[in-house]
Amino acid sequence: MNKTFKEVLLCTGIPLLLSLILCMTGESGMLAAGILVLLVSGAYFLIGLGLLLVENKHFSKVLLLSTGIILLVGFSTCGLILNGLRFN
C-alpha cells in the first residue's frame, strides 16, 4: 500500500469507527453519530481546502478523499435508517 492510501484509511476509519460505536448505544447515539460525522466531514473539507491553498497537496488530497468517503457512508446509512422508520 502506498502512503496516500494508508493515510486515507486512517483519516476515514477513525471517525467511522467512532460513529459505529455510537450507533450501537441506541437512538440518542445515532443522533450523536450523525452530528459527529457532520462536524468531522465539515472540518476535513475546510482544512483540506485550506491546505490546498497553502500548497500542501498531499495531505489536502487525503482529507478531501476522506471527506467524500465519510459523506458517502453517512448518507447511505441515513437512507437505510430513514427507510425503516414509519412516520405516522
N, C-alpha and C. Protein backbone atom coordinates (compact mmCIF):
# COMPACT_ATOMS: atom_id res chain seq x y z
N MET A 1 0.84 -1.18 0.00
CA MET A 1 0.00 0.00 0.00
C MET A 1 0.88 1.24 0.00
N ASN A 2 0.45 2.22 -0.73
CA ASN A 2 1.23 3.44 -0.73
C ASN A 2 0.83 4.35 0.43
N LYS A 3 1.58 5.41 0.61
CA LYS A 3 1.41 6.31 1.76
C LYS A 3 0.05 6.99 1.74
N THR A 4 -0.41 7.42 0.58
CA THR A 4 -1.69 8.12 0.48
C THR A 4 -2.84 7.22 0.90
N PHE A 5 -2.83 5.97 0.43
CA PHE A 5 -3.91 5.04 0.76
C PHE A 5 -3.95 4.75 2.26
N LYS A 6 -2.80 4.60 2.89
CA LYS A 6 -2.74 4.36 4.33
C LYS A 6 -3.31 5.55 5.11
N GLU A 7 -2.96 6.75 4.68
CA GLU A 7 -3.45 7.94 5.38
C GLU A 7 -4.95 8.14 5.16
N VAL A 8 -5.45 7.82 3.97
CA VAL A 8 -6.89 7.92 3.73
C VAL A 8 -7.63 6.91 4.61
N LEU A 9 -7.11 5.70 4.72
CA LEU A 9 -7.74 4.70 5.59
C LEU A 9 -7.74 5.15 7.04
N LEU A 10 -6.66 5.74 7.50
CA LEU A 10 -6.58 6.21 8.87
C LEU A 10 -7.54 7.37 9.13
N CYS A 11 -7.53 8.36 8.22
CA CYS A 11 -8.40 9.53 8.40
C CYS A 11 -9.87 9.19 8.23
N THR A 12 -10.17 8.16 7.49
CA THR A 12 -11.56 7.75 7.30
C THR A 12 -12.01 6.77 8.36
N GLY A 13 -11.13 5.87 8.74
CA GLY A 13 -11.50 4.80 9.66
C GLY A 13 -11.81 5.25 11.07
N ILE A 14 -11.08 6.22 11.58
CA ILE A 14 -11.29 6.66 12.96
C ILE A 14 -12.68 7.27 13.16
N PRO A 15 -13.12 8.25 12.35
CA PRO A 15 -14.48 8.78 12.56
C PRO A 15 -15.58 7.75 12.30
N LEU A 16 -15.38 6.87 11.30
CA LEU A 16 -16.40 5.87 11.03
C LEU A 16 -16.49 4.84 12.14
N LEU A 17 -15.36 4.47 12.73
CA LEU A 17 -15.38 3.53 13.85
C LEU A 17 -16.05 4.16 15.08
N LEU A 18 -15.75 5.42 15.34
CA LEU A 18 -16.41 6.11 16.46
C LEU A 18 -17.91 6.24 16.24
N SER A 19 -18.32 6.53 15.02
CA SER A 19 -19.75 6.65 14.75
C SER A 19 -20.44 5.29 14.83
N LEU A 20 -19.75 4.22 14.45
CA LEU A 20 -20.31 2.88 14.59
C LEU A 20 -20.51 2.52 16.05
N ILE A 21 -19.55 2.86 16.88
CA ILE A 21 -19.68 2.61 18.31
C ILE A 21 -20.84 3.41 18.89
N LEU A 22 -20.98 4.67 18.47
CA LEU A 22 -22.08 5.50 18.95
C LEU A 22 -23.44 4.96 18.48
N CYS A 23 -23.50 4.43 17.27
CA CYS A 23 -24.76 3.89 16.75
C CYS A 23 -25.24 2.67 17.53
N MET A 24 -24.33 1.97 18.16
CA MET A 24 -24.71 0.78 18.92
C MET A 24 -25.37 1.12 20.25
N THR A 25 -25.32 2.37 20.69
CA THR A 25 -25.85 2.72 22.00
C THR A 25 -27.32 3.09 21.99
N GLY A 26 -27.94 3.17 20.84
CA GLY A 26 -29.37 3.47 20.78
C GLY A 26 -29.67 4.67 19.92
N GLU A 27 -30.91 5.18 20.05
CA GLU A 27 -31.34 6.28 19.20
C GLU A 27 -30.59 7.58 19.47
N SER A 28 -30.30 7.87 20.72
CA SER A 28 -29.55 9.09 21.01
C SER A 28 -28.12 8.97 20.49
N GLY A 29 -27.59 7.77 20.48
CA GLY A 29 -26.26 7.54 19.92
C GLY A 29 -26.23 7.75 18.43
N MET A 30 -27.34 7.38 17.75
CA MET A 30 -27.41 7.59 16.30
C MET A 30 -27.41 9.08 15.98
N LEU A 31 -28.11 9.85 16.79
CA LEU A 31 -28.11 11.30 16.60
C LEU A 31 -26.72 11.87 16.83
N ALA A 32 -26.06 11.41 17.89
CA ALA A 32 -24.70 11.86 18.18
C ALA A 32 -23.74 11.45 17.07
N ALA A 33 -23.92 10.26 16.51
CA ALA A 33 -23.06 9.81 15.42
C ALA A 33 -23.27 10.66 14.18
N GLY A 34 -24.51 11.03 13.89
CA GLY A 34 -24.79 11.90 12.76
C GLY A 34 -24.15 13.27 12.91
N ILE A 35 -24.24 13.82 14.12
CA ILE A 35 -23.62 15.11 14.37
C ILE A 35 -22.10 15.01 14.28
N LEU A 36 -21.54 13.90 14.78
CA LEU A 36 -20.10 13.68 14.69
C LEU A 36 -19.64 13.62 13.24
N VAL A 37 -20.35 12.86 12.43
CA VAL A 37 -19.98 12.73 11.01
C VAL A 37 -20.11 14.07 10.30
N LEU A 38 -21.13 14.83 10.61
CA LEU A 38 -21.32 16.15 10.00
C LEU A 38 -20.18 17.09 10.37
N LEU A 39 -19.81 17.13 11.65
CA LEU A 39 -18.74 18.03 12.08
C LEU A 39 -17.38 17.60 11.54
N VAL A 40 -17.11 16.30 11.57
CA VAL A 40 -15.81 15.82 11.10
C VAL A 40 -15.65 16.04 9.60
N SER A 41 -16.70 15.73 8.84
CA SER A 41 -16.58 15.91 7.39
C SER A 41 -16.48 17.39 7.03
N GLY A 42 -17.18 18.25 7.74
CA GLY A 42 -17.06 19.69 7.50
C GLY A 42 -15.67 20.20 7.84
N ALA A 43 -15.13 19.74 8.97
CA ALA A 43 -13.79 20.16 9.36
C ALA A 43 -12.75 19.63 8.37
N TYR A 44 -12.87 18.37 7.97
CA TYR A 44 -11.94 17.81 6.98
C TYR A 44 -11.99 18.61 5.68
N PHE A 45 -13.19 18.97 5.24
CA PHE A 45 -13.33 19.71 3.99
C PHE A 45 -12.67 21.08 4.08
N LEU A 46 -12.94 21.81 5.17
CA LEU A 46 -12.36 23.15 5.31
C LEU A 46 -10.85 23.09 5.47
N ILE A 47 -10.36 22.14 6.24
CA ILE A 47 -8.91 22.01 6.42
C ILE A 47 -8.26 21.57 5.11
N GLY A 48 -8.93 20.68 4.38
CA GLY A 48 -8.40 20.24 3.09
C GLY A 48 -8.31 21.37 2.09
N LEU A 49 -9.34 22.22 2.05
CA LEU A 49 -9.28 23.38 1.15
C LEU A 49 -8.20 24.37 1.58
N GLY A 50 -8.06 24.55 2.88
CA GLY A 50 -7.01 25.44 3.38
C GLY A 50 -5.62 24.93 3.03
N LEU A 51 -5.41 23.63 3.18
CA LEU A 51 -4.11 23.07 2.83
C LEU A 51 -3.86 23.11 1.33
N LEU A 52 -4.93 23.04 0.56
CA LEU A 52 -4.78 23.14 -0.89
C LEU A 52 -4.29 24.55 -1.28
N LEU A 53 -4.74 25.55 -0.54
CA LEU A 53 -4.33 26.92 -0.83
C LEU A 53 -2.89 27.21 -0.42
N VAL A 54 -2.40 26.51 0.61
CA VAL A 54 -1.03 26.75 1.06
C VAL A 54 -0.06 25.75 0.46
N GLU A 55 -0.48 25.06 -0.61
CA GLU A 55 0.37 24.20 -1.42
C GLU A 55 0.82 22.91 -0.72
N ASN A 56 0.04 22.40 0.23
CA ASN A 56 0.30 21.08 0.79
C ASN A 56 -0.66 20.11 0.12
N LYS A 57 -0.32 19.73 -1.08
CA LYS A 57 -1.25 18.97 -1.92
C LYS A 57 -1.48 17.55 -1.43
N HIS A 58 -0.47 16.91 -0.84
CA HIS A 58 -0.61 15.51 -0.45
C HIS A 58 -1.66 15.34 0.65
N PHE A 59 -1.51 16.04 1.76
CA PHE A 59 -2.46 15.86 2.85
C PHE A 59 -3.81 16.48 2.52
N SER A 60 -3.82 17.49 1.67
CA SER A 60 -5.09 18.05 1.20
C SER A 60 -5.89 17.00 0.43
N LYS A 61 -5.20 16.26 -0.43
CA LYS A 61 -5.85 15.19 -1.19
C LYS A 61 -6.37 14.11 -0.25
N VAL A 62 -5.62 13.79 0.78
CA VAL A 62 -6.04 12.78 1.76
C VAL A 62 -7.31 13.22 2.48
N LEU A 63 -7.33 14.46 2.94
CA LEU A 63 -8.50 14.95 3.69
C LEU A 63 -9.74 15.07 2.80
N LEU A 64 -9.56 15.51 1.57
CA LEU A 64 -10.72 15.65 0.68
C LEU A 64 -11.27 14.29 0.27
N LEU A 65 -10.40 13.31 0.04
CA LEU A 65 -10.88 11.95 -0.24
C LEU A 65 -11.60 11.36 0.97
N SER A 66 -11.05 11.59 2.15
CA SER A 66 -11.70 11.09 3.37
C SER A 66 -13.07 11.73 3.57
N THR A 67 -13.18 13.01 3.25
CA THR A 67 -14.47 13.70 3.36
C THR A 67 -15.50 13.04 2.45
N GLY A 68 -15.12 12.77 1.22
CA GLY A 68 -16.04 12.13 0.28
C GLY A 68 -16.47 10.75 0.74
N ILE A 69 -15.55 9.97 1.25
CA ILE A 69 -15.89 8.62 1.71
C ILE A 69 -16.79 8.67 2.92
N ILE A 70 -16.48 9.55 3.87
CA ILE A 70 -17.30 9.66 5.08
C ILE A 70 -18.71 10.12 4.73
N LEU A 71 -18.84 11.09 3.83
CA LEU A 71 -20.17 11.56 3.43
C LEU A 71 -20.94 10.48 2.69
N LEU A 72 -20.27 9.71 1.85
CA LEU A 72 -20.93 8.64 1.13
C LEU A 72 -21.48 7.59 2.10
N VAL A 73 -20.67 7.18 3.04
CA VAL A 73 -21.11 6.20 4.04
C VAL A 73 -22.20 6.79 4.93
N GLY A 74 -22.06 8.05 5.31
CA GLY A 74 -23.05 8.69 6.17
C GLY A 74 -24.40 8.83 5.50
N PHE A 75 -24.42 9.26 4.25
CA PHE A 75 -25.70 9.42 3.55
C PHE A 75 -26.37 8.08 3.29
N SER A 76 -25.59 7.06 2.96
CA SER A 76 -26.20 5.75 2.73
C SER A 76 -26.74 5.16 4.02
N THR A 77 -26.04 5.38 5.13
CA THR A 77 -26.53 4.90 6.42
C THR A 77 -27.80 5.63 6.83
N CYS A 78 -27.84 6.93 6.63
CA CYS A 78 -29.05 7.69 6.97
C CYS A 78 -30.22 7.25 6.10
N GLY A 79 -29.96 6.96 4.84
CA GLY A 79 -31.03 6.49 3.96
C GLY A 79 -31.59 5.16 4.43
N LEU A 80 -30.72 4.27 4.87
CA LEU A 80 -31.18 2.97 5.38
C LEU A 80 -31.98 3.13 6.66
N ILE A 81 -31.52 4.01 7.53
CA ILE A 81 -32.23 4.23 8.80
C ILE A 81 -33.60 4.86 8.53
N LEU A 82 -33.65 5.87 7.67
CA LEU A 82 -34.91 6.52 7.35
C LEU A 82 -35.86 5.61 6.60
N ASN A 83 -35.35 4.66 5.85
CA ASN A 83 -36.17 3.70 5.14
C ASN A 83 -36.97 2.81 6.09
N GLY A 84 -36.38 2.52 7.25
CA GLY A 84 -37.04 1.65 8.21
C GLY A 84 -38.00 2.37 9.14
N LEU A 85 -37.98 3.70 9.13
CA LEU A 85 -38.86 4.45 10.03
C LEU A 85 -40.25 4.61 9.43
N ARG A 86 -41.22 4.68 10.30
CA ARG A 86 -42.60 4.92 9.86
C ARG A 86 -43.06 6.25 10.44
N PHE A 87 -43.45 7.14 9.58
CA PHE A 87 -43.94 8.44 10.02
C PHE A 87 -45.46 8.39 10.05
N ASN A 88 -46.02 8.43 11.23
CA ASN A 88 -47.49 8.37 11.37
C ASN A 88 -48.05 9.75 11.62
